């Protein structure tokens, strides 16, 4: 299967990163890609179509400014945090009645402070 050449490819990629002007390292990587593709049973037509489709996806993505020597990973959409609704005093009074607690004001403040922390990613 393709796993052997792909593992070897990761080694060659590190060598190419250490010596980016060494064309023999680039050639090694290309040979290993072709070998892995062949072993996986992927035709040239299939890989070409996959590249066209992937290019269309990548064109729609947001990318950070390039930094020399650093990978340039696309910016992923951040998931919307799931947080409970803010408590009103009525919510806090109901909670205190159900749990036998006395201080609805403190309960409401504590709940809403935790909610705010969740919305801020734990930052005050």
N, C-alpha and C. Protein backbone atom coordinates (compact mmCIF):
# COMPACT_ATOMS: atom_id res chain seq x y z
N UNK A 1 0.80 -1.20 0.00
CA UNK A 1 0.00 0.00 0.00
C UNK A 1 0.85 1.26 0.00
N UNK A 2 0.20 2.39 0.11
CA UNK A 2 0.89 3.68 0.01
C UNK A 2 1.57 4.15 1.30
N UNK A 3 1.35 3.45 2.41
CA UNK A 3 1.83 3.96 3.70
C UNK A 3 3.35 4.07 3.76
N UNK A 4 4.05 3.05 3.27
CA UNK A 4 5.52 3.09 3.30
C UNK A 4 6.09 4.31 2.60
N UNK A 5 5.71 4.53 1.33
CA UNK A 5 6.24 5.72 0.65
C UNK A 5 5.81 7.04 1.32
N UNK A 6 4.61 7.06 1.90
CA UNK A 6 4.18 8.29 2.57
C UNK A 6 5.00 8.56 3.83
N UNK A 7 5.33 7.50 4.57
CA UNK A 7 6.20 7.69 5.74
C UNK A 7 7.58 8.16 5.30
N UNK A 8 8.09 7.58 4.22
CA UNK A 8 9.39 7.99 3.69
C UNK A 8 9.32 9.45 3.22
N UNK A 9 8.18 9.83 2.64
CA UNK A 9 7.99 11.20 2.17
C UNK A 9 8.15 12.21 3.31
N UNK A 10 7.63 11.88 4.49
CA UNK A 10 7.75 12.82 5.61
C UNK A 10 9.22 13.04 5.96
N UNK A 11 10.04 11.97 5.89
CA UNK A 11 11.48 12.09 6.14
C UNK A 11 12.14 12.97 5.08
N UNK A 12 11.79 12.72 3.83
CA UNK A 12 12.37 13.51 2.74
C UNK A 12 11.94 14.98 2.81
N UNK A 13 10.72 15.23 3.25
CA UNK A 13 10.26 16.62 3.38
C UNK A 13 11.09 17.37 4.42
N UNK A 14 11.44 16.70 5.51
CA UNK A 14 12.30 17.34 6.52
C UNK A 14 13.68 17.62 5.95
N UNK A 15 14.20 16.70 5.14
CA UNK A 15 15.49 16.92 4.50
C UNK A 15 15.42 18.10 3.52
N UNK A 16 14.33 18.19 2.77
CA UNK A 16 14.17 19.30 1.83
C UNK A 16 14.03 20.63 2.57
N UNK A 17 13.36 20.61 3.72
CA UNK A 17 13.23 21.83 4.52
C UNK A 17 14.59 22.29 5.03
N UNK A 18 15.46 21.33 5.35
CA UNK A 18 16.80 21.68 5.83
C UNK A 18 17.69 22.18 4.69
N UNK A 19 17.44 21.68 3.48
CA UNK A 19 18.24 22.08 2.31
C UNK A 19 17.31 22.37 1.13
N UNK A 20 16.58 23.49 1.18
CA UNK A 20 15.57 23.76 0.14
C UNK A 20 16.14 23.98 -1.26
N UNK A 21 17.44 24.22 -1.38
CA UNK A 21 18.03 24.41 -2.71
C UNK A 21 18.51 23.11 -3.34
N UNK A 22 18.42 22.00 -2.61
CA UNK A 22 18.87 20.70 -3.11
C UNK A 22 17.74 20.06 -3.92
N UNK A 23 17.86 20.15 -5.24
CA UNK A 23 16.81 19.64 -6.12
C UNK A 23 16.65 18.12 -6.01
N UNK A 24 17.69 17.41 -5.59
CA UNK A 24 17.55 15.96 -5.46
C UNK A 24 16.55 15.61 -4.37
N UNK A 25 16.45 16.44 -3.33
CA UNK A 25 15.44 16.21 -2.28
C UNK A 25 14.04 16.41 -2.84
N UNK A 26 13.88 17.42 -3.68
CA UNK A 26 12.58 17.66 -4.31
C UNK A 26 12.22 16.49 -5.23
N UNK A 27 13.20 15.99 -5.95
CA UNK A 27 12.96 14.84 -6.84
C UNK A 27 12.56 13.62 -6.02
N UNK A 28 13.25 13.39 -4.89
CA UNK A 28 12.88 12.26 -4.02
C UNK A 28 11.43 12.37 -3.58
N UNK A 29 11.01 13.57 -3.19
CA UNK A 29 9.63 13.74 -2.73
C UNK A 29 8.64 13.44 -3.85
N UNK A 30 8.95 13.90 -5.06
CA UNK A 30 8.04 13.67 -6.19
C UNK A 30 7.94 12.19 -6.52
N UNK A 31 9.08 11.50 -6.52
CA UNK A 31 9.06 10.05 -6.78
C UNK A 31 8.21 9.33 -5.73
N UNK A 32 8.37 9.72 -4.48
CA UNK A 32 7.61 9.07 -3.40
C UNK A 32 6.11 9.36 -3.52
N UNK A 33 5.75 10.58 -3.91
CA UNK A 33 4.33 10.89 -4.13
C UNK A 33 3.75 10.02 -5.25
N UNK A 34 4.48 9.93 -6.35
CA UNK A 34 4.00 9.11 -7.46
C UNK A 34 3.88 7.65 -7.06
N UNK A 35 4.88 7.16 -6.30
CA UNK A 35 4.85 5.76 -5.86
C UNK A 35 3.65 5.51 -4.95
N UNK A 36 3.42 6.40 -3.99
CA UNK A 36 2.28 6.25 -3.08
C UNK A 36 0.96 6.30 -3.85
N UNK A 37 0.87 7.22 -4.81
CA UNK A 37 -0.34 7.35 -5.62
C UNK A 37 -0.59 6.05 -6.39
N UNK A 38 0.46 5.51 -7.00
CA UNK A 38 0.34 4.27 -7.77
C UNK A 38 -0.09 3.11 -6.87
N UNK A 39 0.54 3.01 -5.69
CA UNK A 39 0.21 1.92 -4.77
C UNK A 39 -1.21 2.04 -4.22
N UNK A 40 -1.72 3.26 -4.15
CA UNK A 40 -3.09 3.47 -3.66
C UNK A 40 -4.11 3.25 -4.77
N UNK A 41 -3.64 3.05 -6.00
CA UNK A 41 -4.55 2.83 -7.11
C UNK A 41 -5.22 4.10 -7.61
N UNK A 42 -4.58 5.23 -7.36
CA UNK A 42 -5.14 6.52 -7.79
C UNK A 42 -4.55 6.87 -9.15
N UNK A 43 -5.43 7.09 -10.13
CA UNK A 43 -4.97 7.41 -11.48
C UNK A 43 -4.58 8.88 -11.57
N UNK A 44 -3.83 9.21 -12.64
CA UNK A 44 -3.47 10.61 -12.86
C UNK A 44 -4.72 11.48 -13.04
N UNK A 45 -5.72 10.93 -13.71
CA UNK A 45 -6.96 11.68 -13.90
C UNK A 45 -7.65 11.96 -12.56
N UNK A 46 -7.67 10.95 -11.69
CA UNK A 46 -8.31 11.12 -10.38
C UNK A 46 -7.58 12.17 -9.54
N UNK A 47 -6.25 12.12 -9.53
CA UNK A 47 -5.51 13.07 -8.71
C UNK A 47 -5.63 14.48 -9.30
N UNK A 48 -5.68 14.58 -10.62
CA UNK A 48 -5.85 15.89 -11.25
C UNK A 48 -7.20 16.48 -10.88
N UNK A 49 -8.26 15.68 -10.93
CA UNK A 49 -9.59 16.16 -10.56
C UNK A 49 -9.63 16.55 -9.09
N UNK A 50 -9.00 15.74 -8.24
CA UNK A 50 -8.97 16.06 -6.81
C UNK A 50 -8.23 17.37 -6.57
N UNK A 51 -7.17 17.62 -7.33
CA UNK A 51 -6.42 18.87 -7.17
C UNK A 51 -7.25 20.07 -7.61
N UNK A 52 -7.98 19.92 -8.71
CA UNK A 52 -8.85 21.00 -9.18
C UNK A 52 -9.91 21.31 -8.12
N UNK A 53 -10.53 20.26 -7.57
CA UNK A 53 -11.56 20.45 -6.54
C UNK A 53 -10.97 21.08 -5.28
N UNK A 54 -9.79 20.63 -4.88
CA UNK A 54 -9.16 21.16 -3.67
C UNK A 54 -8.75 22.62 -3.87
N UNK A 55 -8.29 22.96 -5.06
CA UNK A 55 -7.93 24.35 -5.35
C UNK A 55 -9.15 25.26 -5.20
N UNK A 56 -10.31 24.80 -5.67
CA UNK A 56 -11.54 25.59 -5.52
C UNK A 56 -11.86 25.80 -4.04
N UNK A 57 -11.69 24.76 -3.22
CA UNK A 57 -11.93 24.87 -1.78
C UNK A 57 -10.94 25.87 -1.17
N UNK A 58 -9.66 25.72 -1.51
CA UNK A 58 -8.63 26.58 -0.94
C UNK A 58 -8.81 28.05 -1.31
N UNK A 59 -9.31 28.30 -2.52
CA UNK A 59 -9.54 29.69 -2.93
C UNK A 59 -10.60 30.37 -2.08
N UNK A 60 -11.50 29.60 -1.50
CA UNK A 60 -12.57 30.17 -0.68
C UNK A 60 -12.14 30.36 0.77
N UNK A 61 -11.02 29.80 1.15
CA UNK A 61 -10.56 29.87 2.54
C UNK A 61 -9.84 31.19 2.81
N UNK A 62 -9.75 31.51 4.09
CA UNK A 62 -8.98 32.67 4.53
C UNK A 62 -7.61 32.16 4.94
N UNK A 63 -6.59 32.92 4.57
CA UNK A 63 -5.21 32.53 4.84
C UNK A 63 -4.48 33.65 5.56
N UNK A 64 -3.63 33.32 6.53
CA UNK A 64 -2.84 34.36 7.20
C UNK A 64 -1.72 34.84 6.28
N UNK A 65 -1.12 35.95 6.64
CA UNK A 65 0.04 36.42 5.90
C UNK A 65 1.16 35.40 6.05
N UNK A 66 1.92 35.17 4.98
CA UNK A 66 3.01 34.19 5.09
C UNK A 66 4.13 34.69 5.99
N UNK A 67 4.73 33.75 6.73
CA UNK A 67 5.91 34.03 7.55
C UNK A 67 6.99 33.06 7.12
N UNK A 68 8.16 33.58 6.80
CA UNK A 68 9.24 32.75 6.30
C UNK A 68 9.58 31.64 7.28
N UNK A 69 9.60 30.41 6.78
CA UNK A 69 9.97 29.27 7.60
C UNK A 69 8.84 28.70 8.43
N UNK A 70 7.64 29.23 8.30
CA UNK A 70 6.50 28.76 9.09
C UNK A 70 5.42 28.21 8.16
N UNK A 71 4.70 27.18 8.61
CA UNK A 71 3.59 26.69 7.78
C UNK A 71 2.49 27.74 7.69
N UNK A 72 1.79 27.74 6.58
CA UNK A 72 0.70 28.69 6.37
C UNK A 72 -0.61 27.91 6.32
N UNK A 73 -1.22 27.73 7.50
CA UNK A 73 -2.45 26.95 7.62
C UNK A 73 -3.65 27.87 7.45
N UNK A 74 -4.69 27.37 6.79
CA UNK A 74 -5.87 28.20 6.60
C UNK A 74 -6.53 28.50 7.94
N UNK A 75 -7.22 29.63 7.98
CA UNK A 75 -7.90 30.06 9.20
C UNK A 75 -9.25 29.35 9.25
N UNK A 76 -9.45 28.56 10.30
CA UNK A 76 -10.69 27.81 10.43
C UNK A 76 -11.74 28.68 11.12
N UNK A 77 -12.98 28.45 10.72
CA UNK A 77 -14.10 29.12 11.39
C UNK A 77 -14.13 28.67 12.84
N UNK A 78 -14.24 29.63 13.73
CA UNK A 78 -14.33 29.29 15.15
C UNK A 78 -15.75 28.86 15.47
N UNK A 79 -15.90 27.76 16.19
CA UNK A 79 -17.26 27.34 16.55
C UNK A 79 -17.89 28.35 17.49
N UNK A 80 -19.17 28.51 17.33
CA UNK A 80 -19.91 29.41 18.21
C UNK A 80 -20.02 28.74 19.57
N UNK A 81 -19.60 29.43 20.63
CA UNK A 81 -19.67 28.79 21.94
C UNK A 81 -21.11 28.51 22.36
N UNK A 82 -21.30 27.36 22.96
CA UNK A 82 -22.61 27.00 23.49
C UNK A 82 -22.59 27.36 24.96
N UNK A 83 -23.37 28.35 25.31
CA UNK A 83 -23.42 28.81 26.70
C UNK A 83 -24.87 28.90 27.13
N UNK A 84 -25.10 28.72 28.42
CA UNK A 84 -26.48 28.84 28.90
C UNK A 84 -26.96 30.28 28.81
N UNK A 85 -28.27 30.44 28.81
CA UNK A 85 -28.85 31.78 28.79
C UNK A 85 -28.50 32.52 30.07
N UNK A 86 -28.48 33.84 29.95
CA UNK A 86 -28.25 34.68 31.12
C UNK A 86 -29.43 34.51 32.08
N UNK A 87 -29.13 34.50 33.38
CA UNK A 87 -30.19 34.37 34.38
C UNK A 87 -30.78 35.72 34.73
N UNK A 88 -32.08 35.73 34.88
CA UNK A 88 -32.78 36.87 35.47
C UNK A 88 -32.95 36.57 36.95
N UNK A 89 -33.41 37.53 37.71
CA UNK A 89 -33.64 37.30 39.14
C UNK A 89 -34.70 36.21 39.33
N UNK A 90 -35.66 36.13 38.40
CA UNK A 90 -36.69 35.09 38.49
C UNK A 90 -36.07 33.70 38.36
N UNK A 91 -35.11 33.55 37.45
CA UNK A 91 -34.42 32.27 37.30
C UNK A 91 -33.69 31.90 38.59
N UNK A 92 -33.03 32.89 39.18
CA UNK A 92 -32.26 32.64 40.41
C UNK A 92 -33.18 32.29 41.57
N UNK A 93 -34.32 32.98 41.68
CA UNK A 93 -35.28 32.68 42.76
C UNK A 93 -35.80 31.26 42.60
N UNK A 94 -36.14 30.87 41.37
CA UNK A 94 -36.62 29.51 41.12
C UNK A 94 -35.55 28.49 41.51
N UNK A 95 -34.31 28.74 41.14
CA UNK A 95 -33.21 27.86 41.49
C UNK A 95 -33.08 27.73 43.01
N UNK A 96 -33.16 28.85 43.71
CA UNK A 96 -33.02 28.83 45.17
C UNK A 96 -34.16 28.06 45.82
N UNK A 97 -35.36 28.22 45.30
CA UNK A 97 -36.51 27.47 45.84
C UNK A 97 -36.31 25.97 45.65
N UNK A 98 -35.83 25.59 44.46
CA UNK A 98 -35.65 24.17 44.14
C UNK A 98 -34.50 23.53 44.91
N UNK A 99 -33.52 24.32 45.31
CA UNK A 99 -32.33 23.75 45.96
C UNK A 99 -32.23 24.08 47.44
N UNK A 100 -33.19 24.88 47.94
CA UNK A 100 -33.16 25.23 49.36
C UNK A 100 -32.15 26.30 49.71
N UNK A 101 -31.66 27.00 48.71
CA UNK A 101 -30.69 28.06 48.98
C UNK A 101 -31.44 29.36 49.24
N UNK A 102 -30.72 30.33 49.80
CA UNK A 102 -31.37 31.56 50.25
C UNK A 102 -31.08 32.79 49.39
N UNK A 103 -29.84 32.93 48.86
CA UNK A 103 -29.42 34.20 48.27
C UNK A 103 -29.54 34.18 46.74
N UNK A 104 -30.69 34.55 46.22
CA UNK A 104 -30.93 34.53 44.78
C UNK A 104 -30.02 35.51 44.05
N UNK A 105 -29.77 36.66 44.66
CA UNK A 105 -28.91 37.67 44.02
C UNK A 105 -27.51 37.14 43.78
N UNK A 106 -26.93 36.48 44.79
CA UNK A 106 -25.59 35.91 44.64
C UNK A 106 -25.58 34.77 43.63
N UNK A 107 -26.65 33.96 43.64
CA UNK A 107 -26.74 32.85 42.69
C UNK A 107 -26.77 33.39 41.26
N UNK A 108 -27.56 34.45 41.04
CA UNK A 108 -27.66 35.04 39.71
C UNK A 108 -26.31 35.61 39.28
N UNK A 109 -25.63 36.32 40.19
CA UNK A 109 -24.33 36.91 39.86
C UNK A 109 -23.31 35.83 39.52
N UNK A 110 -23.30 34.75 40.31
CA UNK A 110 -22.35 33.67 40.06
C UNK A 110 -22.61 33.00 38.71
N UNK A 111 -23.89 32.71 38.44
CA UNK A 111 -24.27 32.08 37.16
C UNK A 111 -23.84 32.96 35.99
N UNK A 112 -24.17 34.23 36.06
CA UNK A 112 -23.87 35.13 34.95
C UNK A 112 -22.37 35.38 34.81
N UNK A 113 -21.63 35.35 35.93
CA UNK A 113 -20.17 35.50 35.84
C UNK A 113 -19.56 34.29 35.13
N UNK A 114 -20.06 33.10 35.44
CA UNK A 114 -19.58 31.89 34.75
C UNK A 114 -19.92 31.95 33.27
N UNK A 115 -21.11 32.41 32.95
CA UNK A 115 -21.55 32.54 31.57
C UNK A 115 -20.65 33.51 30.81
N UNK A 116 -20.34 34.65 31.44
CA UNK A 116 -19.46 35.64 30.82
C UNK A 116 -18.08 35.06 30.57
N UNK A 117 -17.57 34.30 31.54
CA UNK A 117 -16.26 33.67 31.37
C UNK A 117 -16.27 32.70 30.18
N UNK A 118 -17.36 31.95 30.02
CA UNK A 118 -17.47 31.03 28.88
C UNK A 118 -17.45 31.80 27.57
N UNK A 119 -18.17 32.91 27.52
CA UNK A 119 -18.23 33.71 26.30
C UNK A 119 -16.88 34.33 25.97
N UNK A 120 -16.08 34.60 27.00
CA UNK A 120 -14.76 35.22 26.81
C UNK A 120 -13.65 34.18 26.72
N UNK A 121 -14.02 32.93 26.60
CA UNK A 121 -13.01 31.88 26.51
C UNK A 121 -12.21 31.72 27.78
N UNK A 122 -12.81 32.03 28.91
CA UNK A 122 -12.14 31.89 30.20
C UNK A 122 -11.32 33.09 30.59
N UNK A 123 -11.28 34.13 29.74
CA UNK A 123 -10.51 35.34 30.05
C UNK A 123 -11.41 36.33 30.76
N UNK A 124 -10.89 36.95 31.77
CA UNK A 124 -11.69 37.93 32.53
C UNK A 124 -11.83 39.22 31.78
